[in-house]
């Protein structure tokens, strides 16, 4: 799990998430400004849709890139050669990706909560 966090930091994933938040918020603000009616609802719906699509894409690309890097660097073979059980390795990878995905979802949800009208 710790290795997934280190890899996310080394590949600058937090910076990518911050840039995505800024770009999608700016785009939603722009489209909300040019809408004639219900600018707040338009802004929130566009921001929500964009952030959901980008979150799924970012997580998929990160996981695929991480697994491909592990295969090319022979990290899988090295870790599986250790006396620890295989389920611990796979569970650690899964939990690492799960925590990373939850972090991205939380960052995007907080962004959406700032822009959306939650009063009702």
Protein backbone atom coordinates (compact mmCIF):
# COMPACT_ATOMS: atom_id res chain seq x y z
CA UNK A 1 0.00 0.00 0.00
CA UNK A 2 2.88 2.34 0.81
CA UNK A 3 4.47 1.64 -2.57
CA UNK A 4 1.34 2.79 -4.39
CA UNK A 5 1.42 6.08 -2.47
CA UNK A 6 5.10 6.59 -3.28
CA UNK A 7 4.47 5.83 -6.93
CA UNK A 8 1.59 8.30 -7.01
CA UNK A 9 3.85 11.00 -5.59
CA UNK A 10 6.69 10.17 -7.95
CA UNK A 11 4.45 10.27 -10.99
CA UNK A 12 3.04 13.62 -9.82
CA UNK A 13 -0.53 12.37 -9.56
CA UNK A 14 -1.51 15.01 -6.95
CA UNK A 15 -0.43 17.73 -9.37
CA UNK A 16 -2.51 16.15 -12.11
CA UNK A 17 -5.55 16.05 -9.83
CA UNK A 18 -5.02 19.72 -8.88
CA UNK A 19 -4.72 20.76 -12.53
CA UNK A 20 -7.85 18.78 -13.44
CA UNK A 21 -9.78 20.47 -10.61
CA UNK A 22 -8.69 23.92 -11.75
CA UNK A 23 -9.37 23.31 -15.44
CA UNK A 24 -12.78 21.71 -14.94
CA UNK A 25 -13.81 24.38 -12.42
CA UNK A 26 -12.77 27.09 -14.87
CA UNK A 27 -14.63 25.42 -17.71
CA UNK A 28 -17.74 25.00 -15.57
CA UNK A 29 -17.54 28.64 -14.49
CA UNK A 30 -17.25 29.75 -18.10
CA UNK A 31 -20.17 27.62 -19.26
CA UNK A 32 -22.21 28.78 -16.27
CA UNK A 33 -21.59 32.39 -17.26
CA UNK A 34 -22.83 31.90 -20.81
CA UNK A 35 -25.97 30.01 -19.80
CA UNK A 36 -29.15 32.05 -19.91
CA UNK A 37 -31.04 30.46 -17.02
CA UNK A 38 -30.13 28.26 -14.06
CA UNK A 39 -26.44 29.10 -14.15
CA UNK A 40 -25.72 27.43 -10.80
CA UNK A 41 -27.40 24.18 -11.79
CA UNK A 42 -25.70 24.21 -15.19
CA UNK A 43 -22.33 24.84 -13.57
CA UNK A 44 -22.80 22.03 -11.04
CA UNK A 45 -24.02 19.50 -13.59
CA UNK A 46 -21.18 20.19 -16.00
CA UNK A 47 -18.60 20.11 -13.24
CA UNK A 48 -20.01 16.86 -11.83
CA UNK A 49 -20.05 15.16 -15.21
CA UNK A 50 -16.53 16.25 -16.11
CA UNK A 51 -15.08 15.30 -12.75
CA UNK A 52 -16.67 11.83 -12.84
CA UNK A 53 -15.31 11.09 -16.31
CA UNK A 54 -11.86 12.42 -15.50
CA UNK A 55 -11.70 10.56 -12.16
CA UNK A 56 -12.43 7.25 -13.84
CA UNK A 57 -9.92 7.96 -16.62
CA UNK A 58 -7.16 9.05 -14.22
CA UNK A 59 -7.58 6.00 -11.98
CA UNK A 60 -7.66 3.60 -14.94
CA UNK A 61 -4.55 5.12 -16.50
CA UNK A 62 -2.68 5.17 -13.20
CA UNK A 63 -3.47 1.53 -12.39
CA UNK A 64 -2.62 0.34 -15.90
CA UNK A 65 0.62 2.32 -15.93
CA UNK A 66 1.57 1.07 -12.47
CA UNK A 67 0.95 -2.56 -13.38
CA UNK A 68 2.84 -2.20 -16.67
CA UNK A 69 5.78 -0.60 -14.86
CA UNK A 70 5.80 -3.41 -12.30
CA UNK A 71 5.85 -5.98 -15.08
CA UNK A 72 8.66 -4.28 -17.01
CA UNK A 73 10.78 -3.70 -13.91
CA UNK A 74 10.19 -7.29 -12.71
CA UNK A 75 8.88 -6.01 -9.37
CA UNK A 76 6.17 -8.68 -9.34
CA UNK A 77 8.72 -11.47 -9.61
CA UNK A 78 10.89 -9.94 -6.91
CA UNK A 79 8.03 -9.51 -4.44
CA UNK A 80 6.52 -12.91 -5.16
CA UNK A 81 9.92 -14.53 -4.53
CA UNK A 82 9.82 -13.36 -0.91
CA UNK A 83 8.41 -15.69 1.73
CA UNK A 84 5.32 -13.52 2.30
CA UNK A 85 2.03 -14.94 1.05
CA UNK A 86 0.78 -13.88 -2.37
CA UNK A 87 -2.56 -12.75 -1.02
CA UNK A 88 -0.75 -10.14 1.07
CA UNK A 89 0.87 -8.69 -2.05
CA UNK A 90 -2.36 -8.59 -4.00
CA UNK A 91 -4.36 -7.26 -1.05
CA UNK A 92 -1.76 -4.54 -0.52
CA UNK A 93 -1.96 -3.52 -4.18
CA UNK A 94 -5.75 -3.55 -4.08
CA UNK A 95 -5.93 -1.50 -0.87
CA UNK A 96 -3.38 0.97 -2.23
CA UNK A 97 -5.40 1.52 -5.38
CA UNK A 98 -8.59 1.72 -3.32
CA UNK A 99 -7.17 4.43 -1.03
CA UNK A 100 -5.82 6.32 -4.02
CA UNK A 101 -9.19 6.17 -5.77
CA UNK A 102 -10.97 7.30 -2.61
CA UNK A 103 -8.57 10.24 -2.30
CA UNK A 104 -9.22 11.34 -5.87
CA UNK A 105 -12.97 10.93 -5.36
CA UNK A 106 -12.80 12.98 -2.16
CA UNK A 107 -10.85 15.78 -3.84
CA UNK A 108 -13.33 15.91 -6.71
CA UNK A 109 -16.34 15.69 -4.38
CA UNK A 110 -15.07 18.60 -2.28
CA UNK A 111 -14.58 20.62 -5.46
CA UNK A 112 -18.12 19.87 -6.53
CA UNK A 113 -19.47 20.69 -3.06
CA UNK A 114 -17.86 24.14 -3.27
CA UNK A 115 -19.56 24.88 -6.58
CA UNK A 116 -22.92 23.18 -6.14
CA UNK A 117 -25.89 24.64 -4.33
CA UNK A 118 -26.47 22.10 -1.58
CA UNK A 119 -29.23 24.01 0.18
CA UNK A 120 -31.72 22.48 -1.98
